[in-house]
Amino acid sequence: MLSTGTKTCFTVKDVPAQDFIKAYADYLKKNDKIKLPAWIDYVKTGVAKDLAPEDPNWLYTRIAAIARKVYLRAHIGVGTLKHIYGHNKRNGCRRRHHSTGAGKIIRFSLQQLEQLGVVAKDKKCLEKKWSRVITPQGQKDLDIIANNIGKEIYKQK
C-alpha cells in the first residue's frame, strides 16, 4: 500500500487475490471485452480433471487470474502457466503425479489479453523468447480495479 498524505493508493499486490480476480472477471464480462469460443462448454481445464467446470463464467475467471499472474511475475510463458494451473492426476491404486493444465485455454487467455492491450510479448528478453509482460496500459487498468477494491476493504476496517 502506497501512502501519500490522505490519499491511499493500492496496487494488485496489495489486495487479496480472490477479490481482485472476481472483480476483474466481472469487469471483463460486463464490458463484453472477451469473445467466448464455441468449445467453452465442453473443454476440461486439464488432463487430470474428469469434467468441465460447473461455473458458466469460468473462462472470465481464468483470464483474470492469468492477467494477475503476468502482473506479479514478468517474463512468464505458457509452459510455466501450464504448471501453475496443473493438478494432481489420480492413477487408481498408484501414486498421484502432477499433471499440467490445458495449454489451449492459457494460450487463448493470453491472446485475448494481448488484444485488450493488457499483456504483450517481450521482445527485449532473448532468453525467454515467447514470454509475456504486462504493458503500461494494462498495469494502469489493473491498478485502477485493485485501487477500487483496496478502498472498499480500507473503508470496512
Foldseek 3Di string as FASTA:
>chain_A
DDDDPPDDFDFLVRDDPVVLLVLQLCVCVVVVLDDDDPCQQFDDFFPQDDGHDPDSSVLSSVLSNVLSVQAVDPQDDLVVQQQVSWDFHDDDPDDTDTGGTDSVSVVSSQVSCVVVQQKDADPVDPVSRRTIHGDPVNRVVSSVSRRVVVVVVVVVD
